[in-house]
PDB file of N, CA and C in Angstrom:
ATOM      1  N   MET A   1       0.850  -1.214   0.001  1.00  0.00           N
ATOM      2  CA  MET A   1       0.015   0.001  -0.002  1.00  0.00           C
ATOM      3  C   MET A   1       0.893   1.242   0.008  1.00  0.00           C
ATOM      4  N   VAL A   2       0.342   2.301  -0.431  1.00  0.00           N
ATOM      5  CA  VAL A   2       1.054   3.572  -0.510  1.00  0.00           C
ATOM      6  C   VAL A   2       1.059   4.201   0.865  1.00  0.00           C
ATOM      7  N   THR A   3       2.272   4.463   1.404  1.00  0.00           N
ATOM      8  CA  THR A   3       2.339   4.995   2.738  1.00  0.00           C
ATOM      9  C   THR A   3       2.067   6.478   2.867  1.00  0.00           C
ATOM     10  N   SER A   4       2.312   7.183   1.800  1.00  0.00           N
ATOM     11  CA  SER A   4       2.097   8.638   1.867  1.00  0.00           C
ATOM     12  C   SER A   4       1.018   9.097   0.903  1.00  0.00           C
ATOM     13  N   LEU A   5      -0.037   8.292   0.810  1.00  0.00           N
ATOM     14  CA  LEU A   5      -1.122   8.583  -0.122  1.00  0.00           C
ATOM     15  C   LEU A   5      -1.768   9.946   0.211  1.00  0.00           C
ATOM     16  N   ASP A   6      -1.962  10.227   1.532  1.00  0.00           N
ATOM     17  CA  ASP A   6      -2.581  11.500   1.913  1.00  0.00           C
ATOM     18  C   ASP A   6      -1.760  12.674   1.430  1.00  0.00           C
ATOM     19  N   LYS A   7      -0.387  12.573   1.479  1.00  0.00           N
ATOM     20  CA  LYS A   7       0.455  13.645   0.995  1.00  0.00           C
ATOM     21  C   LYS A   7       0.326  13.765  -0.535  1.00  0.00           C
ATOM     22  N   MET A   8       0.285  12.644  -1.221  1.00  0.00           N
ATOM     23  CA  MET A   8       0.186  12.659  -2.650  1.00  0.00           C
ATOM     24  C   MET A   8      -1.115  13.272  -3.133  1.00  0.00           C
ATOM     25  N   ILE A   9      -2.223  12.954  -2.477  1.00  0.00           N
ATOM     26  CA  ILE A   9      -3.543  13.530  -2.828  1.00  0.00           C
ATOM     27  C   ILE A   9      -3.567  15.008  -2.466  1.00  0.00           C
ATOM     28  N   TRP A  10      -2.988  15.384  -1.327  1.00  0.00           N
ATOM     29  CA  TRP A  10      -2.956  16.788  -0.930  1.00  0.00           C
ATOM     30  C   TRP A  10      -2.173  17.621  -1.978  1.00  0.00           C
ATOM     31  N   GLU A  11      -1.032  17.086  -2.426  1.00  0.00           N
ATOM     32  CA  GLU A  11      -0.267  17.774  -3.432  1.00  0.00           C
ATOM     33  C   GLU A  11      -1.041  17.949  -4.707  1.00  0.00           C
ATOM     34  N   ARG A  12      -1.748  16.925  -5.122  1.00  0.00           N
ATOM     35  CA  ARG A  12      -2.539  17.015  -6.406  1.00  0.00           C
ATOM     36  C   ARG A  12      -3.664  17.985  -6.219  1.00  0.00           C
ATOM     37  N   LEU A  13      -4.261  18.051  -5.039  1.00  0.00           N
ATOM     38  CA  LEU A  13      -5.338  19.006  -4.843  1.00  0.00           C
ATOM     39  C   LEU A  13      -4.767  20.435  -4.850  1.00  0.00           C
ATOM     40  N   GLN A  14      -3.600  20.593  -4.285  1.00  0.00           N
ATOM     41  CA  GLN A  14      -2.938  21.963  -4.371  1.00  0.00           C
ATOM     42  C   GLN A  14      -2.733  22.398  -5.802  1.00  0.00           C
ATOM     43  N   LEU A  15      -2.232  21.453  -6.645  1.00  0.00           N
ATOM     44  CA  LEU A  15      -2.037  21.786  -8.037  1.00  0.00           C
ATOM     45  C   LEU A  15      -3.349  22.100  -8.769  1.00  0.00           C
ATOM     46  N   PHE A  16      -4.382  21.348  -8.436  1.00  0.00           N
ATOM     47  CA  PHE A  16      -5.701  21.566  -8.979  1.00  0.00           C
ATOM     48  C   PHE A  16      -6.167  22.972  -8.677  1.00  0.00           C
ATOM     49  N   VAL A  17      -6.078  23.400  -7.360  1.00  0.00           N
ATOM     50  CA  VAL A  17      -6.466  24.696  -6.973  1.00  0.00           C
ATOM     51  C   VAL A  17      -5.642  25.776  -7.591  1.00  0.00           C
ATOM     52  N   ALA A  18      -4.349  25.569  -7.738  1.00  0.00           N
ATOM     53  CA  ALA A  18      -3.475  26.580  -8.387  1.00  0.00           C
ATOM     54  C   ALA A  18      -3.856  26.836  -9.823  1.00  0.00           C
ATOM     55  N   LYS A  19      -4.285  25.755 -10.517  1.00  0.00           N
ATOM     56  CA  LYS A  19      -4.680  25.886 -11.926  1.00  0.00           C
ATOM     57  C   LYS A  19      -6.103  26.370 -12.087  1.00  0.00           C
ATOM     58  N   ASN A  20      -7.015  25.885 -11.309  1.00  0.00           N
ATOM     59  CA  ASN A  20      -8.444  26.151 -11.473  1.00  0.00           C
ATOM     60  C   ASN A  20      -9.074  27.143 -10.528  1.00  0.00           C
ATOM     61  N   ARG A  21      -8.387  27.431  -9.438  1.00  0.00           N
ATOM     62  CA  ARG A  21      -8.805  28.357  -8.412  1.00  0.00           C
ATOM     63  C   ARG A  21     -10.037  27.898  -7.644  1.00  0.00           C
ATOM     64  N   PHE A  22     -10.263  26.633  -7.639  1.00  0.00           N
ATOM     65  CA  PHE A  22     -11.338  26.029  -6.814  1.00  0.00           C
ATOM     66  C   PHE A  22     -10.998  24.543  -6.601  1.00  0.00           C
ATOM     67  N   LEU A  23     -11.599  23.965  -5.607  1.00  0.00           N
ATOM     68  CA  LEU A  23     -11.382  22.558  -5.290  1.00  0.00           C
ATOM     69  C   LEU A  23     -12.366  21.714  -6.092  1.00  0.00           C
ATOM     70  N   PRO A  24     -12.006  20.521  -6.464  1.00  0.00           N
ATOM     71  CA  PRO A  24     -12.995  19.679  -7.193  1.00  0.00           C
ATOM     72  C   PRO A  24     -14.126  19.197  -6.304  1.00  0.00           C
ATOM     73  N   LYS A  25     -15.321  19.038  -6.865  1.00  0.00           N
ATOM     74  CA  LYS A  25     -16.465  18.541  -6.072  1.00  0.00           C
ATOM     75  C   LYS A  25     -16.432  16.978  -6.008  1.00  0.00           C
ATOM     76  N   ARG A  26     -15.636  16.377  -6.935  1.00  0.00           N
ATOM     77  CA  ARG A  26     -15.600  14.923  -6.964  1.00  0.00           C
ATOM     78  C   ARG A  26     -14.130  14.530  -7.214  1.00  0.00           C
ATOM     79  N   ILE A  27     -13.694  13.449  -6.542  1.00  0.00           N
ATOM     80  CA  ILE A  27     -12.365  12.895  -6.736  1.00  0.00           C
ATOM     81  C   ILE A  27     -12.550  11.445  -7.258  1.00  0.00           C
ATOM     82  N   LEU A  28     -11.874  11.151  -8.312  1.00  0.00           N
ATOM     83  CA  LEU A  28     -11.904   9.779  -8.887  1.00  0.00           C
ATOM     84  C   LEU A  28     -10.518   9.217  -8.868  1.00  0.00           C
ATOM     85  N   VAL A  29     -10.336   8.093  -8.151  1.00  0.00           N
ATOM     86  CA  VAL A  29      -9.057   7.442  -8.020  1.00  0.00           C
ATOM     87  C   VAL A  29      -9.109   6.100  -8.703  1.00  0.00           C
ATOM     88  N   TYR A  30      -8.211   5.831  -9.665  1.00  0.00           N
ATOM     89  CA  TYR A  30      -8.081   4.536 -10.266  1.00  0.00           C
ATOM     90  C   TYR A  30      -6.990   3.772  -9.494  1.00  0.00           C
ATOM     91  N   ARG A  31      -7.318   2.595  -9.023  1.00  0.00           N
ATOM     92  CA  ARG A  31      -6.416   1.807  -8.193  1.00  0.00           C
ATOM     93  C   ARG A  31      -6.129   0.487  -8.866  1.00  0.00           C
ATOM     94  N   ASP A  32      -4.852   0.264  -9.173  1.00  0.00           N
ATOM     95  CA  ASP A  32      -4.447  -0.987  -9.798  1.00  0.00           C
ATOM     96  C   ASP A  32      -3.573  -1.733  -8.787  1.00  0.00           C
ATOM     97  N   GLY A  33      -3.342  -3.003  -9.053  1.00  0.00           N
ATOM     98  CA  GLY A  33      -2.423  -3.741  -8.190  1.00  0.00           C
ATOM     99  C   GLY A  33      -3.156  -4.407  -7.040  1.00  0.00           C
ATOM    100  N   VAL A  34      -4.466  -4.460  -6.984  1.00  0.00           N
ATOM    101  CA  VAL A  34      -5.198  -5.181  -5.963  1.00  0.00           C
ATOM    102  C   VAL A  34      -5.419  -6.551  -6.482  1.00  0.00           C
ATOM    103  N   SER A  35      -5.025  -7.572  -5.732  1.00  0.00           N
ATOM    104  CA  SER A  35      -5.022  -8.969  -6.250  1.00  0.00           C
ATOM    105  C   SER A  35      -6.406  -9.439  -6.622  1.00  0.00           C
ATOM    106  N   GLU A  36      -6.433 -10.384  -7.558  1.00  0.00           N
ATOM    107  CA  GLU A  36      -7.685 -11.007  -7.987  1.00  0.00           C
ATOM    108  C   GLU A  36      -8.328 -11.778  -6.809  1.00  0.00           C
ATOM    109  N   VAL A  37      -7.516 -12.365  -5.993  1.00  0.00           N
ATOM    110  CA  VAL A  37      -8.033 -13.068  -4.812  1.00  0.00           C
ATOM    111  C   VAL A  37      -8.809 -12.115  -3.920  1.00  0.00           C
ATOM    112  N   THR A  38      -8.262 -10.912  -3.824  1.00  0.00           N
ATOM    113  CA  THR A  38      -8.924  -9.867  -3.025  1.00  0.00           C
ATOM    114  C   THR A  38     -10.283  -9.498  -3.640  1.00  0.00           C
ATOM    115  N   ILE A  39     -10.320  -9.326  -4.907  1.00  0.00           N
ATOM    116  CA  ILE A  39     -11.570  -8.923  -5.577  1.00  0.00           C
ATOM    117  C   ILE A  39     -12.604 -10.077  -5.415  1.00  0.00           C
ATOM    118  N   SER A  40     -12.184 -11.326  -5.673  1.00  0.00           N
ATOM    119  CA  SER A  40     -13.156 -12.411  -5.557  1.00  0.00           C
ATOM    120  C   SER A  40     -13.616 -12.546  -4.138  1.00  0.00           C
ATOM    121  N   SER A  41     -12.740 -12.262  -3.136  1.00  0.00           N
ATOM    122  CA  SER A  41     -13.078 -12.294  -1.714  1.00  0.00           C
ATOM    123  C   SER A  41     -14.199 -11.273  -1.471  1.00  0.00           C
ATOM    124  N   PHE A  42     -14.030 -10.061  -2.035  1.00  0.00           N
ATOM    125  CA  PHE A  42     -15.029  -8.993  -1.868  1.00  0.00           C
ATOM    126  C   PHE A  42     -16.357  -9.414  -2.473  1.00  0.00           C
ATOM    127  N   ILE A  43     -16.301  -9.953  -3.674  1.00  0.00           N
ATOM    128  CA  ILE A  43     -17.542 -10.339  -4.358  1.00  0.00           C
ATOM    129  C   ILE A  43     -18.273 -11.426  -3.524  1.00  0.00           C
ATOM    130  N   CYS A  44     -17.486 -12.426  -3.014  1.00  0.00           N
ATOM    131  CA  CYS A  44     -18.070 -13.415  -2.170  1.00  0.00           C
ATOM    132  C   CYS A  44     -18.692 -12.807  -0.910  1.00  0.00           C
ATOM    133  N   HIS A  45     -18.003 -11.872  -0.285  1.00  0.00           N
ATOM    134  CA  HIS A  45     -18.542 -11.237   0.904  1.00  0.00           C
ATOM    135  C   HIS A  45     -19.795 -10.436   0.597  1.00  0.00           C
ATOM    136  N   ARG A  46     -19.757  -9.699  -0.540  1.00  0.00           N
ATOM    137  CA  ARG A  46     -20.881  -8.828  -0.890  1.00  0.00           C
ATOM    138  C   ARG A  46     -22.106  -9.624  -1.159  1.00  0.00           C
ATOM    139  N   TYR A  47     -21.951 -10.763  -1.808  1.00  0.00           N
ATOM    140  CA  TYR A  47     -23.136 -11.551  -2.213  1.00  0.00           C
ATOM    141  C   TYR A  47     -23.307 -12.811  -1.321  1.00  0.00           C
ATOM    142  N   SER A  48     -22.671 -12.801  -0.143  1.00  0.00           N
ATOM    143  CA  SER A  48     -22.828 -13.880   0.873  1.00  0.00           C
ATOM    144  C   SER A  48     -22.487 -15.270   0.280  1.00  0.00           C
ATOM    145  N   LEU A  49     -21.427 -15.307  -0.514  1.00  0.00           N
ATOM    146  CA  LEU A  49     -20.959 -16.579  -0.963  1.00  0.00           C
ATOM    147  C   LEU A  49     -19.818 -17.049  -0.079  1.00  0.00           C
ATOM    148  N   SER A  50     -19.476 -18.315  -0.046  1.00  0.00           N
ATOM    149  CA  SER A  50     -18.435 -18.792   0.856  1.00  0.00           C
ATOM    150  C   SER A  50     -17.081 -18.582   0.245  1.00  0.00           C
ATOM    151  N   ASN A  51     -16.253 -17.883   0.958  1.00  0.00           N
ATOM    152  CA  ASN A  51     -14.829 -17.667   0.594  1.00  0.00           C
ATOM    153  C   ASN A  51     -14.140 -17.114   1.831  1.00  0.00           C
ATOM    154  N   ASN A  52     -13.061 -17.756   2.240  1.00  0.00           N
ATOM    155  CA  ASN A  52     -12.369 -17.357   3.505  1.00  0.00           C
ATOM    156  C   ASN A  52     -11.167 -16.532   3.227  1.00  0.00           C
ATOM    157  N   THR A  53     -10.898 -16.112   2.003  1.00  0.00           N
ATOM    158  CA  THR A  53      -9.643 -15.325   1.708  1.00  0.00           C
ATOM    159  C   THR A  53      -9.891 -13.877   2.107  1.00  0.00           C
ATOM    160  N   GLN A  54      -8.820 -13.244   2.565  1.00  0.00           N
ATOM    161  CA  GLN A  54      -8.808 -11.814   2.822  1.00  0.00           C
ATOM    162  C   GLN A  54      -7.626 -11.266   2.121  1.00  0.00           C
ATOM    163  N   GLY A  55      -7.652 -10.040   1.742  1.00  0.00           N
ATOM    164  CA  GLY A  55      -6.553  -9.478   1.032  1.00  0.00           C
ATOM    165  C   GLY A  55      -6.495  -7.994   1.012  1.00  0.00           C
ATOM    166  N   GLN A  56      -5.984  -7.445  -0.094  1.00  0.00           N
ATOM    167  CA  GLN A  56      -5.712  -6.061  -0.163  1.00  0.00           C
ATOM    168  C   GLN A  56      -6.973  -5.146  -0.288  1.00  0.00           C
ATOM    169  N   PHE A  57      -8.092  -5.733  -0.737  1.00  0.00           N
ATOM    170  CA  PHE A  57      -9.272  -4.884  -0.851  1.00  0.00           C
ATOM    171  C   PHE A  57      -9.635  -4.242   0.473  1.00  0.00           C
ATOM    172  N   ASN A  58      -9.586  -5.032   1.537  1.00  0.00           N
ATOM    173  CA  ASN A  58      -9.922  -4.508   2.864  1.00  0.00           C
ATOM    174  C   ASN A  58      -8.916  -3.406   3.243  1.00  0.00           C
ATOM    175  N   THR A  59      -7.655  -3.570   2.811  1.00  0.00           N
ATOM    176  CA  THR A  59      -6.663  -2.560   3.130  1.00  0.00           C
ATOM    177  C   THR A  59      -6.958  -1.254   2.383  1.00  0.00           C
ATOM    178  N   VAL A  60      -7.408  -1.382   1.137  1.00  0.00           N
ATOM    179  CA  VAL A  60      -7.790  -0.203   0.357  1.00  0.00           C
ATOM    180  C   VAL A  60      -8.888   0.560   1.076  1.00  0.00           C
ATOM    181  N   VAL A  61      -9.874  -0.176   1.545  1.00  0.00           N
ATOM    182  CA  VAL A  61     -10.996   0.483   2.253  1.00  0.00           C
ATOM    183  C   VAL A  61     -10.543   0.989   3.607  1.00  0.00           C
ATOM    184  N   ALA A  62      -9.808   0.208   4.383  1.00  0.00           N
ATOM    185  CA  ALA A  62      -9.470   0.549   5.733  1.00  0.00           C
ATOM    186  C   ALA A  62      -8.353   1.573   5.835  1.00  0.00           C
ATOM    187  N   GLU A  63      -7.458   1.622   4.895  1.00  0.00           N
ATOM    188  CA  GLU A  63      -6.265   2.517   5.012  1.00  0.00           C
ATOM    189  C   GLU A  63      -6.244   3.642   3.945  1.00  0.00           C
ATOM    190  N   GLU A  64      -6.471   3.259   2.702  1.00  0.00           N
ATOM    191  CA  GLU A  64      -6.310   4.249   1.599  1.00  0.00           C
ATOM    192  C   GLU A  64      -7.505   5.228   1.572  1.00  0.00           C
ATOM    193  N   LEU A  65      -8.664   4.803   1.798  1.00  0.00           N
ATOM    194  CA  LEU A  65      -9.837   5.675   1.833  1.00  0.00           C
ATOM    195  C   LEU A  65      -9.667   6.745   2.936  1.00  0.00           C
ATOM    196  N   PRO A  66      -9.356   6.389   4.152  1.00  0.00           N
ATOM    197  CA  PRO A  66      -9.098   7.377   5.226  1.00  0.00           C
ATOM    198  C   PRO A  66      -7.972   8.338   4.876  1.00  0.00           C
ATOM    199  N   ALA A  67      -6.934   7.827   4.180  1.00  0.00           N
ATOM    200  CA  ALA A  67      -5.777   8.680   3.820  1.00  0.00           C
ATOM    201  C   ALA A  67      -6.265   9.787   2.867  1.00  0.00           C
ATOM    202  N   ILE A  68      -7.107   9.397   1.905  1.00  0.00           N
ATOM    203  CA  ILE A  68      -7.635  10.357   0.970  1.00  0.00           C
ATOM    204  C   ILE A  68      -8.508  11.409   1.670  1.00  0.00           C
ATOM    205  N   ARG A  69      -9.259  10.927   2.609  1.00  0.00           N
ATOM    206  CA  ARG A  69     -10.131  11.830   3.408  1.00  0.00           C
ATOM    207  C   ARG A  69      -9.270  12.799   4.284  1.00  0.00           C
ATOM    208  N   ARG A  70      -8.191  12.269   4.816  1.00  0.00           N
ATOM    209  CA  ARG A  70      -7.280  13.165   5.593  1.00  0.00           C
ATOM    210  C   ARG A  70      -6.740  14.265   4.755  1.00  0.00           C
ATOM    211  N   ALA A  71      -6.405  13.977   3.494  1.00  0.00           N
ATOM    212  CA  ALA A  71      -5.880  14.964   2.596  1.00  0.00           C
ATOM    213  C   ALA A  71      -6.906  16.048   2.333  1.00  0.00           C
ATOM    214  N   CYS A  72      -8.171  15.643   2.217  1.00  0.00           N
ATOM    215  CA  CYS A  72      -9.255  16.622   1.964  1.00  0.00           C
ATOM    216  C   CYS A  72      -9.465  17.509   3.174  1.00  0.00           C
ATOM    217  N   VAL A  73      -9.408  16.949   4.356  1.00  0.00           N
ATOM    218  CA  VAL A  73      -9.647  17.700   5.555  1.00  0.00           C
ATOM    219  C   VAL A  73      -8.662  18.884   5.701  1.00  0.00           C
ATOM    220  N   LYS A  74      -7.462  18.731   5.145  1.00  0.00           N
ATOM    221  CA  LYS A  74      -6.499  19.800   5.189  1.00  0.00           C
ATOM    222  C   LYS A  74      -6.971  21.050   4.459  1.00  0.00           C
ATOM    223  N   PHE A  75      -7.976  20.923   3.632  1.00  0.00           N
ATOM    224  CA  PHE A  75      -8.508  22.084   2.909  1.00  0.00           C
ATOM    225  C   PHE A  75      -9.760  22.623   3.571  1.00  0.00           C
ATOM    226  N   ASP A  76     -10.101  22.172   4.740  1.00  0.00           N
ATOM    227  CA  ASP A  76     -11.252  22.668   5.466  1.00  0.00           C
ATOM    228  C   ASP A  76     -11.102  24.170   5.770  1.00  0.00           C
ATOM    229  N   LYS A  77     -12.160  24.863   5.747  1.00  0.00           N
ATOM    230  CA  LYS A  77     -12.209  26.280   6.201  1.00  0.00           C
ATOM    231  C   LYS A  77     -13.292  26.376   7.287  1.00  0.00           C
ATOM    232  N   PRO A  78     -13.192  27.376   8.140  1.00  0.00           N
ATOM    233  CA  PRO A  78     -14.210  27.532   9.156  1.00  0.00           C
ATOM    234  C   PRO A  78     -15.570  27.634   8.492  1.00  0.00           C
ATOM    235  N   GLN A  79     -16.529  26.916   9.014  1.00  0.00           N
ATOM    236  CA  GLN A  79     -17.883  26.905   8.500  1.00  0.00           C
ATOM    237  C   GLN A  79     -18.006  26.262   7.089  1.00  0.00           C
ATOM    238  N   ALA A  80     -16.931  25.726   6.543  1.00  0.00           N
ATOM    239  CA  ALA A  80     -16.976  25.140   5.209  1.00  0.00           C
ATOM    240  C   ALA A  80     -16.038  23.953   5.115  1.00  0.00           C
ATOM    241  N   PRO A  81     -16.451  22.803   5.611  1.00  0.00           N
ATOM    242  CA  PRO A  81     -15.572  21.626   5.510  1.00  0.00           C
ATOM    243  C   PRO A  81     -15.515  21.151   4.007  1.00  0.00           C
ATOM    244  N   TYR A  82     -14.343  20.641   3.638  1.00  0.00           N
ATOM    245  CA  TYR A  82     -14.212  20.162   2.293  1.00  0.00           C
ATOM    246  C   TYR A  82     -14.397  18.645   2.242  1.00  0.00           C
ATOM    247  N   ARG A  83     -15.530  18.217   1.732  1.00  0.00           N
ATOM    248  CA  ARG A  83     -15.851  16.784   1.666  1.00  0.00           C
ATOM    249  C   ARG A  83     -16.320  16.433   0.247  1.00  0.00           C
ATOM    250  N   PRO A  84     -15.422  16.271  -0.703  1.00  0.00           N
ATOM    251  CA  PRO A  84     -15.860  15.972  -2.043  1.00  0.00           C
ATOM    252  C   PRO A  84     -16.414  14.544  -2.127  1.00  0.00           C
ATOM    253  N   LYS A  85     -17.172  14.273  -3.154  1.00  0.00           N
ATOM    254  CA  LYS A  85     -17.598  12.902  -3.416  1.00  0.00           C
ATOM    255  C   LYS A  85     -16.382  12.165  -3.883  1.00  0.00           C
ATOM    256  N   LEU A  86     -16.273  10.920  -3.446  1.00  0.00           N
ATOM    257  CA  LEU A  86     -15.042  10.147  -3.700  1.00  0.00           C
ATOM    258  C   LEU A  86     -15.424   8.818  -4.299  1.00  0.00           C
ATOM    259  N   THR A  87     -14.771   8.474  -5.435  1.00  0.00           N
ATOM    260  CA  THR A  87     -14.947   7.201  -6.075  1.00  0.00           C
ATOM    261  C   THR A  87     -13.606   6.552  -6.287  1.00  0.00           C
ATOM    262  N   ILE A  88     -13.468   5.287  -5.804  1.00  0.00           N
ATOM    263  CA  ILE A  88     -12.226   4.525  -6.057  1.00  0.00           C
ATOM    264  C   ILE A  88     -12.573   3.398  -6.978  1.00  0.00           C
ATOM    265  N   VAL A  89     -11.974   3.397  -8.128  1.00  0.00           N
ATOM    266  CA  VAL A  89     -12.200   2.368  -9.175  1.00  0.00           C
ATOM    267  C   VAL A  89     -11.008   1.400  -9.053  1.00  0.00           C
ATOM    268  N   ILE A  90     -11.306   0.127  -8.783  1.00  0.00           N
ATOM    269  CA  ILE A  90     -10.250  -0.883  -8.703  1.00  0.00           C
ATOM    270  C   ILE A  90     -10.193  -1.579 -10.049  1.00  0.00           C
ATOM    271  N   CYS A  91      -9.069  -1.421 -10.718  1.00  0.00           N
ATOM    272  CA  CYS A  91      -8.825  -1.993 -12.040  1.00  0.00           C
ATOM    273  C   CYS A  91      -8.218  -3.380 -11.921  1.00  0.00           C
ATOM    274  N   VAL A  92      -8.855  -4.353 -12.565  1.00  0.00           N
ATOM    275  CA  VAL A  92      -8.358  -5.731 -12.447  1.00  0.00           C
ATOM    276  C   VAL A  92      -8.238  -6.251 -13.861  1.00  0.00           C
ATOM    277  N   ARG A  93      -7.138  -6.921 -14.154  1.00  0.00           N
ATOM    278  CA  ARG A  93      -6.927  -7.597 -15.445  1.00  0.00           C
ATOM    279  C   ARG A  93      -7.245  -9.086 -15.265  1.00  0.00           C
ATOM    280  N   ASP A  94      -7.873  -9.678 -16.209  1.00  0.00           N
ATOM    281  CA  ASP A  94      -8.128 -11.114 -16.300  1.00  0.00           C
ATOM    282  C   ASP A  94      -8.764 -11.664 -15.033  1.00  0.00           C
ATOM    283  N   LEU A  95      -9.881 -11.079 -14.669  1.00  0.00           N
ATOM    284  CA  LEU A  95     -10.602 -11.588 -13.468  1.00  0.00           C
ATOM    285  C   LEU A  95     -11.333 -12.864 -13.834  1.00  0.00           C
TER     286      LEU A  95
END
């Protein structure tokens, strides 16, 4: 997993603001490198199928999502918290 994801997102948001003079209302993150076992584990969990594997998908949700949110909080202003809509797309080859 990316250890400084919050810093990377914060830097990208700073560049966005410098160029556009406003923060985006939506952030779209494409995430590659999450194992197929992880995805199949999520699908089994989501649809109550039997599968005992755990993997990187849970880490994406438990660690990377909060890191992205921490980066956004740094742009909070009094009376105006910055909470954009967030979408994480997990790209998988040959599922």
